[in-house]
PDB file of N, CA and C in Angstrom:
ATOM      1  N   MET A   1       0.816  -1.190   0.000  1.00  0.00           N
ATOM      2  CA  MET A   1       0.000   0.000   0.000  1.00  0.00           C
ATOM      3  C   MET A   1       0.867   1.266   0.000  1.00  0.00           C
ATOM      4  N   ILE A   2       1.892   1.265   0.803  1.00  0.00           N
ATOM      5  CA  ILE A   2       2.748   2.448   0.919  1.00  0.00           C
ATOM      6  C   ILE A   2       3.527   2.672  -0.374  1.00  0.00           C
ATOM      7  N   ASP A   3       3.929   1.606  -1.012  1.00  0.00           N
ATOM      8  CA  ASP A   3       4.783   1.700  -2.190  1.00  0.00           C
ATOM      9  C   ASP A   3       4.016   1.935  -3.488  1.00  0.00           C
ATOM     10  N   ALA A   4       2.715   1.769  -3.480  1.00  0.00           N
ATOM     11  CA  ALA A   4       1.918   1.856  -4.712  1.00  0.00           C
ATOM     12  C   ALA A   4       2.088   3.171  -5.470  1.00  0.00           C
ATOM     13  N   PRO A   5       2.080   4.333  -4.828  1.00  0.00           N
ATOM     14  CA  PRO A   5       2.256   5.576  -5.586  1.00  0.00           C
ATOM     15  C   PRO A   5       3.629   5.684  -6.256  1.00  0.00           C
ATOM     16  N   MET A   6       4.627   5.067  -5.649  1.00  0.00           N
ATOM     17  CA  MET A   6       5.977   5.123  -6.213  1.00  0.00           C
ATOM     18  C   MET A   6       6.127   4.234  -7.444  1.00  0.00           C
ATOM     19  N   LYS A   7       5.288   3.217  -7.563  1.00  0.00           N
ATOM     20  CA  LYS A   7       5.413   2.262  -8.661  1.00  0.00           C
ATOM     21  C   LYS A   7       5.274   2.942 -10.015  1.00  0.00           C
ATOM     22  N   LYS A   8       4.289   3.807 -10.179  1.00  0.00           N
ATOM     23  CA  LYS A   8       4.100   4.509 -11.452  1.00  0.00           C
ATOM     24  C   LYS A   8       5.303   5.383 -11.774  1.00  0.00           C
ATOM     25  N   ALA A   9       5.815   6.073 -10.773  1.00  0.00           N
ATOM     26  CA  ALA A   9       6.976   6.942 -10.970  1.00  0.00           C
ATOM     27  C   ALA A   9       8.202   6.127 -11.356  1.00  0.00           C
ATOM     28  N   ARG A  10       8.412   4.989 -10.689  1.00  0.00           N
ATOM     29  CA  ARG A  10       9.539   4.098 -11.022  1.00  0.00           C
ATOM     30  C   ARG A  10       9.455   3.629 -12.457  1.00  0.00           C
ATOM     31  N   GLU A  11       8.284   3.173 -12.842  1.00  0.00           N
ATOM     32  CA  GLU A  11       8.096   2.643 -14.192  1.00  0.00           C
ATOM     33  C   GLU A  11       8.276   3.738 -15.233  1.00  0.00           C
ATOM     34  N   SER A  12       7.826   4.919 -14.938  1.00  0.00           N
ATOM     35  CA  SER A  12       7.990   6.044 -15.854  1.00  0.00           C
ATOM     36  C   SER A  12       9.468   6.386 -16.038  1.00  0.00           C
ATOM     37  N   LEU A  13      10.217   6.377 -14.957  1.00  0.00           N
ATOM     38  CA  LEU A  13      11.653   6.662 -15.026  1.00  0.00           C
ATOM     39  C   LEU A  13      12.372   5.649 -15.912  1.00  0.00           C
ATOM     40  N   VAL A  14      12.109   4.387 -15.678  1.00  0.00           N
ATOM     41  CA  VAL A  14      12.778   3.331 -16.450  1.00  0.00           C
ATOM     42  C   VAL A  14      12.373   3.396 -17.911  1.00  0.00           C
ATOM     43  N   GLY A  15      11.121   3.707 -18.178  1.00  0.00           N
ATOM     44  CA  GLY A  15      10.649   3.806 -19.563  1.00  0.00           C
ATOM     45  C   GLY A  15      11.329   4.904 -20.354  1.00  0.00           C
ATOM     46  N   LYS A  16      11.881   5.899 -19.668  1.00  0.00           N
ATOM     47  CA  LYS A  16      12.520   7.029 -20.346  1.00  0.00           C
ATOM     48  C   LYS A  16      14.041   6.957 -20.354  1.00  0.00           C
ATOM     49  N   MET A  17      14.626   5.906 -19.834  1.00  0.00           N
ATOM     50  CA  MET A  17      16.076   5.866 -19.657  1.00  0.00           C
ATOM     51  C   MET A  17      16.873   5.587 -20.925  1.00  0.00           C
ATOM     52  N   LEU A  18      16.349   4.798 -21.827  1.00  0.00           N
ATOM     53  CA  LEU A  18      17.113   4.456 -23.026  1.00  0.00           C
ATOM     54  C   LEU A  18      17.024   5.583 -24.057  1.00  0.00           C
ATOM     55  N   THR A  19      18.119   5.805 -24.765  1.00  0.00           N
ATOM     56  CA  THR A  19      18.120   6.842 -25.795  1.00  0.00           C
ATOM     57  C   THR A  19      17.937   6.254 -27.186  1.00  0.00           C
ATOM     58  N   THR A  20      18.200   4.956 -27.333  1.00  0.00           N
ATOM     59  CA  THR A  20      17.970   4.288 -28.615  1.00  0.00           C
ATOM     60  C   THR A  20      17.214   2.992 -28.358  1.00  0.00           C
ATOM     61  N   ASP A  21      16.565   2.486 -29.392  1.00  0.00           N
ATOM     62  CA  ASP A  21      15.861   1.219 -29.225  1.00  0.00           C
ATOM     63  C   ASP A  21      16.826   0.058 -29.423  1.00  0.00           C
ATOM     64  N   GLU A  22      16.292  -1.154 -29.451  1.00  0.00           N
ATOM     65  CA  GLU A  22      17.146  -2.336 -29.548  1.00  0.00           C
ATOM     66  C   GLU A  22      17.874  -2.465 -30.885  1.00  0.00           C
ATOM     67  N   PHE A  23      17.473  -1.693 -31.887  1.00  0.00           N
ATOM     68  CA  PHE A  23      18.116  -1.741 -33.192  1.00  0.00           C
ATOM     69  C   PHE A  23      19.073  -0.576 -33.406  1.00  0.00           C
ATOM     70  N   GLY A  24      19.279   0.261 -32.379  1.00  0.00           N
ATOM     71  CA  GLY A  24      20.176   1.396 -32.492  1.00  0.00           C
ATOM     72  C   GLY A  24      19.523   2.631 -33.078  1.00  0.00           C
ATOM     73  N   GLU A  25      18.253   2.534 -33.370  1.00  0.00           N
ATOM     74  CA  GLU A  25      17.524   3.682 -33.916  1.00  0.00           C
ATOM     75  C   GLU A  25      17.206   4.654 -32.798  1.00  0.00           C
ATOM     76  N   ASP A  26      17.038   5.935 -33.167  1.00  0.00           N
ATOM     77  CA  ASP A  26      16.611   6.894 -32.158  1.00  0.00           C
ATOM     78  C   ASP A  26      15.333   6.402 -31.532  1.00  0.00           C
ATOM     79  N   ARG A  27      15.327   6.450 -30.243  1.00  0.00           N
ATOM     80  CA  ARG A  27      14.228   5.867 -29.479  1.00  0.00           C
ATOM     81  C   ARG A  27      12.977   6.725 -29.547  1.00  0.00           C
ATOM     82  N   VAL A  28      11.901   6.072 -29.876  1.00  0.00           N
ATOM     83  CA  VAL A  28      10.594   6.715 -29.782  1.00  0.00           C
ATOM     84  C   VAL A  28      10.054   6.422 -28.387  1.00  0.00           C
ATOM     85  N   ALA A  29       9.074   7.148 -27.980  1.00  0.00           N
ATOM     86  CA  ALA A  29       8.529   6.964 -26.635  1.00  0.00           C
ATOM     87  C   ALA A  29       7.972   5.555 -26.483  1.00  0.00           C
ATOM     88  N   LYS A  30       8.447   4.847 -25.486  1.00  0.00           N
ATOM     89  CA  LYS A  30       7.966   3.508 -25.163  1.00  0.00           C
ATOM     90  C   LYS A  30       7.579   3.496 -23.701  1.00  0.00           C
ATOM     91  N   SER A  31       6.536   2.792 -23.410  1.00  0.00           N
ATOM     92  CA  SER A  31       6.152   2.686 -22.008  1.00  0.00           C
ATOM     93  C   SER A  31       6.968   1.582 -21.335  1.00  0.00           C
ATOM     94  N   TYR A  32       6.898   1.546 -20.045  1.00  0.00           N
ATOM     95  CA  TYR A  32       7.610   0.550 -19.241  1.00  0.00           C
ATOM     96  C   TYR A  32       7.237  -0.868 -19.673  1.00  0.00           C
ATOM     97  N   ASP A  33       5.968  -1.089 -19.936  1.00  0.00           N
ATOM     98  CA  ASP A  33       5.504  -2.426 -20.314  1.00  0.00           C
ATOM     99  C   ASP A  33       5.994  -2.876 -21.681  1.00  0.00           C
ATOM    100  N   GLU A  34       6.400  -1.941 -22.530  1.00  0.00           N
ATOM    101  CA  GLU A  34       6.848  -2.272 -23.880  1.00  0.00           C
ATOM    102  C   GLU A  34       8.343  -2.575 -23.960  1.00  0.00           C
ATOM    103  N   LEU A  35       9.085  -2.404 -22.873  1.00  0.00           N
ATOM    104  CA  LEU A  35      10.522  -2.664 -22.903  1.00  0.00           C
ATOM    105  C   LEU A  35      10.790  -4.136 -23.165  1.00  0.00           C
ATOM    106  N   THR A  36      11.743  -4.392 -24.037  1.00  0.00           N
ATOM    107  CA  THR A  36      12.081  -5.768 -24.402  1.00  0.00           C
ATOM    108  C   THR A  36      13.171  -6.310 -23.480  1.00  0.00           C
ATOM    109  N   THR A  37      13.395  -7.604 -23.561  1.00  0.00           N
ATOM    110  CA  THR A  37      14.443  -8.242 -22.773  1.00  0.00           C
ATOM    111  C   THR A  37      15.800  -7.648 -23.120  1.00  0.00           C
ATOM    112  N   ARG A  38      16.031  -7.378 -24.388  1.00  0.00           N
ATOM    113  CA  ARG A  38      17.303  -6.786 -24.821  1.00  0.00           C
ATOM    114  C   ARG A  38      17.493  -5.386 -24.233  1.00  0.00           C
ATOM    115  N   GLU A  39      16.464  -4.571 -24.255  1.00  0.00           N
ATOM    116  CA  GLU A  39      16.559  -3.220 -23.703  1.00  0.00           C
ATOM    117  C   GLU A  39      16.779  -3.269 -22.189  1.00  0.00           C
ATOM    118  N   LEU A  40      16.124  -4.189 -21.518  1.00  0.00           N
ATOM    119  CA  LEU A  40      16.323  -4.345 -20.082  1.00  0.00           C
ATOM    120  C   LEU A  40      17.728  -4.852 -19.776  1.00  0.00           C
ATOM    121  N   HIS A  41      18.274  -5.686 -20.650  1.00  0.00           N
ATOM    122  CA  HIS A  41      19.652  -6.150 -20.488  1.00  0.00           C
ATOM    123  C   HIS A  41      20.614  -4.966 -20.560  1.00  0.00           C
ATOM    124  N   ILE A  42      20.399  -4.084 -21.515  1.00  0.00           N
ATOM    125  CA  ILE A  42      21.244  -2.893 -21.648  1.00  0.00           C
ATOM    126  C   ILE A  42      21.149  -2.031 -20.385  1.00  0.00           C
ATOM    127  N   LEU A  43      19.937  -1.847 -19.881  1.00  0.00           N
ATOM    128  CA  LEU A  43      19.753  -1.061 -18.655  1.00  0.00           C
ATOM    129  C   LEU A  43      20.446  -1.719 -17.460  1.00  0.00           C
ATOM    130  N   ALA A  44      20.248  -3.010 -17.286  1.00  0.00           N
ATOM    131  CA  ALA A  44      20.843  -3.720 -16.154  1.00  0.00           C
ATOM    132  C   ALA A  44      22.365  -3.654 -16.215  1.00  0.00           C
ATOM    133  N   GLU A  45      22.907  -3.866 -17.400  1.00  0.00           N
ATOM    134  CA  GLU A  45      24.351  -3.814 -17.584  1.00  0.00           C
ATOM    135  C   GLU A  45      24.886  -2.417 -17.265  1.00  0.00           C
ATOM    136  N   SER A  46      24.213  -1.403 -17.738  1.00  0.00           N
ATOM    137  CA  SER A  46      24.636  -0.023 -17.496  1.00  0.00           C
ATOM    138  C   SER A  46      24.562   0.325 -16.011  1.00  0.00           C
ATOM    139  N   LEU A  47      23.514  -0.122 -15.352  1.00  0.00           N
ATOM    140  CA  LEU A  47      23.373   0.156 -13.924  1.00  0.00           C
ATOM    141  C   LEU A  47      24.464  -0.530 -13.115  1.00  0.00           C
ATOM    142  N   CYS A  48      24.740  -1.787 -13.422  1.00  0.00           N
ATOM    143  CA  CYS A  48      25.767  -2.529 -12.680  1.00  0.00           C
ATOM    144  C   CYS A  48      27.124  -1.855 -12.774  1.00  0.00           C
ATOM    145  N   VAL A  49      27.470  -1.384 -13.939  1.00  0.00           N
ATOM    146  CA  VAL A  49      28.765  -0.745 -14.143  1.00  0.00           C
ATOM    147  C   VAL A  49      28.863   0.557 -13.348  1.00  0.00           C
ATOM    148  N   ARG A  50      27.757   1.268 -13.253  1.00  0.00           N
ATOM    149  CA  ARG A  50      27.784   2.593 -12.632  1.00  0.00           C
ATOM    150  C   ARG A  50      27.527   2.610 -11.125  1.00  0.00           C
ATOM    151  N   LEU A  51      27.027   1.530 -10.565  1.00  0.00           N
ATOM    152  CA  LEU A  51      26.700   1.530  -9.136  1.00  0.00           C
ATOM    153  C   LEU A  51      27.912   1.805  -8.250  1.00  0.00           C
ATOM    154  N   ASN A  52      29.070   1.320  -8.633  1.00  0.00           N
ATOM    155  CA  ASN A  52      30.268   1.543  -7.819  1.00  0.00           C
ATOM    156  C   ASN A  52      30.744   2.992  -7.838  1.00  0.00           C
ATOM    157  N   LEU A  53      30.318   3.757  -8.814  1.00  0.00           N
ATOM    158  CA  LEU A  53      30.736   5.153  -8.885  1.00  0.00           C
ATOM    159  C   LEU A  53      30.226   5.978  -7.709  1.00  0.00           C
ATOM    160  N   PHE A  54      29.130   5.555  -7.113  1.00  0.00           N
ATOM    161  CA  PHE A  54      28.503   6.336  -6.050  1.00  0.00           C
ATOM    162  C   PHE A  54      29.029   6.008  -4.660  1.00  0.00           C
ATOM    163  N   GLN A  55      29.838   4.977  -4.532  1.00  0.00           N
ATOM    164  CA  GLN A  55      30.405   4.551  -3.251  1.00  0.00           C
ATOM    165  C   GLN A  55      29.322   4.434  -2.169  1.00  0.00           C
ATOM    166  N   LYS A  56      28.239   3.784  -2.519  1.00  0.00           N
ATOM    167  CA  LYS A  56      27.090   3.518  -1.645  1.00  0.00           C
ATOM    168  C   LYS A  56      26.372   4.772  -1.157  1.00  0.00           C
ATOM    169  N   LYS A  57      26.568   5.894  -1.830  1.00  0.00           N
ATOM    170  CA  LYS A  57      25.823   7.129  -1.536  1.00  0.00           C
ATOM    171  C   LYS A  57      25.004   7.461  -2.780  1.00  0.00           C
ATOM    172  N   TYR A  58      23.974   6.658  -3.029  1.00  0.00           N
ATOM    173  CA  TYR A  58      23.187   6.738  -4.248  1.00  0.00           C
ATOM    174  C   TYR A  58      22.216   7.918  -4.238  1.00  0.00           C
ATOM    175  N   PRO A  59      21.968   8.496  -5.427  1.00  0.00           N
ATOM    176  CA  PRO A  59      20.894   9.491  -5.508  1.00  0.00           C
ATOM    177  C   PRO A  59      19.566   8.809  -5.174  1.00  0.00           C
ATOM    178  N   ALA A  60      18.613   9.565  -4.707  1.00  0.00           N
ATOM    179  CA  ALA A  60      17.342   8.999  -4.233  1.00  0.00           C
ATOM    180  C   ALA A  60      16.609   8.192  -5.292  1.00  0.00           C
ATOM    181  N   PHE A  61      16.751   8.552  -6.567  1.00  0.00           N
ATOM    182  CA  PHE A  61      16.012   7.856  -7.616  1.00  0.00           C
ATOM    183  C   PHE A  61      16.618   6.513  -7.982  1.00  0.00           C
ATOM    184  N   LEU A  62      17.895   6.307  -7.734  1.00  0.00           N
ATOM    185  CA  LEU A  62      18.581   5.111  -8.231  1.00  0.00           C
ATOM    186  C   LEU A  62      18.036   3.801  -7.649  1.00  0.00           C
ATOM    187  N   PRO A  63      17.805   3.690  -6.352  1.00  0.00           N
ATOM    188  CA  PRO A  63      17.209   2.442  -5.854  1.00  0.00           C
ATOM    189  C   PRO A  63      15.827   2.171  -6.458  1.00  0.00           C
ATOM    190  N   GLN A  64      15.094   3.228  -6.757  1.00  0.00           N
ATOM    191  CA  GLN A  64      13.775   3.060  -7.380  1.00  0.00           C
ATOM    192  C   GLN A  64      13.910   2.516  -8.800  1.00  0.00           C
ATOM    193  N   VAL A  65      14.903   2.990  -9.524  1.00  0.00           N
ATOM    194  CA  VAL A  65      15.146   2.507 -10.891  1.00  0.00           C
ATOM    195  C   VAL A  65      15.545   1.033 -10.855  1.00  0.00           C
ATOM    196  N   VAL A  66      16.447   0.687  -9.957  1.00  0.00           N
ATOM    197  CA  VAL A  66      16.889  -0.706  -9.844  1.00  0.00           C
ATOM    198  C   VAL A  66      15.694  -1.602  -9.500  1.00  0.00           C
ATOM    199  N   LYS A  67      14.869  -1.164  -8.576  1.00  0.00           N
ATOM    200  CA  LYS A  67      13.694  -1.952  -8.195  1.00  0.00           C
ATOM    201  C   LYS A  67      12.747  -2.153  -9.371  1.00  0.00           C
ATOM    202  N   ALA A  68      12.523  -1.100 -10.150  1.00  0.00           N
ATOM    203  CA  ALA A  68      11.627  -1.208 -11.309  1.00  0.00           C
ATOM    204  C   ALA A  68      12.177  -2.169 -12.353  1.00  0.00           C
ATOM    205  N   VAL A  69      13.479  -2.123 -12.583  1.00  0.00           N
ATOM    206  CA  VAL A  69      14.091  -3.048 -13.554  1.00  0.00           C
ATOM    207  C   VAL A  69      13.958  -4.478 -13.034  1.00  0.00           C
ATOM    208  N   LEU A  70      14.219  -4.681 -11.755  1.00  0.00           N
ATOM    209  CA  LEU A  70      14.120  -6.026 -11.180  1.00  0.00           C
ATOM    210  C   LEU A  70      12.702  -6.583 -11.216  1.00  0.00           C
ATOM    211  N   GLU A  71      11.710  -5.713 -11.151  1.00  0.00           N
ATOM    212  CA  GLU A  71      10.309  -6.158 -11.142  1.00  0.00           C
ATOM    213  C   GLU A  71       9.744  -6.400 -12.537  1.00  0.00           C
ATOM    214  N   HIS A  72      10.450  -6.003 -13.581  1.00  0.00           N
ATOM    215  CA  HIS A  72       9.904  -6.121 -14.935  1.00  0.00           C
ATOM    216  C   HIS A  72       9.785  -7.581 -15.352  1.00  0.00           C
ATOM    217  N   ARG A  73       8.683  -7.904 -15.983  1.00  0.00           N
ATOM    218  CA  ARG A  73       8.420  -9.299 -16.373  1.00  0.00           C
ATOM    219  C   ARG A  73       9.306  -9.777 -17.510  1.00  0.00           C
ATOM    220  N   ASN A  74       9.878  -8.871 -18.314  1.00  0.00           N
ATOM    221  CA  ASN A  74      10.726  -9.269 -19.436  1.00  0.00           C
ATOM    222  C   ASN A  74      12.210  -9.347 -19.081  1.00  0.00           C
ATOM    223  N   LEU A  75      12.560  -9.100 -17.842  1.00  0.00           N
ATOM    224  CA  LEU A  75      13.964  -9.157 -17.440  1.00  0.00           C
ATOM    225  C   LEU A  75      14.425 -10.610 -17.396  1.00  0.00           C
ATOM    226  N   ALA A  76      15.538 -10.882 -18.041  1.00  0.00           N
ATOM    227  CA  ALA A  76      16.093 -12.238 -18.036  1.00  0.00           C
ATOM    228  C   ALA A  76      16.579 -12.582 -16.633  1.00  0.00           C
ATOM    229  N   SER A  77      16.488 -13.844 -16.266  1.00  0.00           N
ATOM    230  CA  SER A  77      16.894 -14.249 -14.917  1.00  0.00           C
ATOM    231  C   SER A  77      18.389 -14.016 -14.687  1.00  0.00           C
ATOM    232  N   SER A  78      19.197 -14.109 -15.742  1.00  0.00           N
ATOM    233  CA  SER A  78      20.634 -13.841 -15.592  1.00  0.00           C
ATOM    234  C   SER A  78      20.872 -12.372 -15.246  1.00  0.00           C
ATOM    235  N   ASP A  79      20.126 -11.465 -15.886  1.00  0.00           N
ATOM    236  CA  ASP A  79      20.256 -10.042 -15.565  1.00  0.00           C
ATOM    237  C   ASP A  79      19.735  -9.752 -14.162  1.00  0.00           C
ATOM    238  N   HIS A  80      18.687 -10.441 -13.764  1.00  0.00           N
ATOM    239  CA  HIS A  80      18.143 -10.272 -12.419  1.00  0.00           C
ATOM    240  C   HIS A  80      19.202 -10.667 -11.389  1.00  0.00           C
ATOM    241  N   SER A  81      19.874 -11.767 -11.615  1.00  0.00           N
ATOM    242  CA  SER A  81      20.903 -12.251 -10.680  1.00  0.00           C
ATOM    243  C   SER A  81      22.080 -11.282 -10.608  1.00  0.00           C
ATOM    244  N   ILE A  82      22.497 -10.766 -11.727  1.00  0.00           N
ATOM    245  CA  ILE A  82      23.629  -9.842 -11.766  1.00  0.00           C
ATOM    246  C   ILE A  82      23.301  -8.540 -11.057  1.00  0.00           C
ATOM    247  N   LEU A  83      22.124  -8.009 -11.341  1.00  0.00           N
ATOM    248  CA  LEU A  83      21.733  -6.717 -10.758  1.00  0.00           C
ATOM    249  C   LEU A  83      21.441  -6.871  -9.275  1.00  0.00           C
TER     250      LEU A  83
END
């Protein structure tokens, strides 16, 4: 119940994070539900590489982004384990 209002915001953030689609084309607006496994792989990989840059002092939005990626139904189990 407490987390429900944050869910829409998390999903919106993740839906806007990629700048290109899975084919390298300029990204058109896609909703969170339309993200593919490949696009989520790119996001997970990018997040993993950058998490150490913050030295455990993350911006407030970052844990929300990670949670949204982890909750996505198209995320591969290997990416889930890594993230």
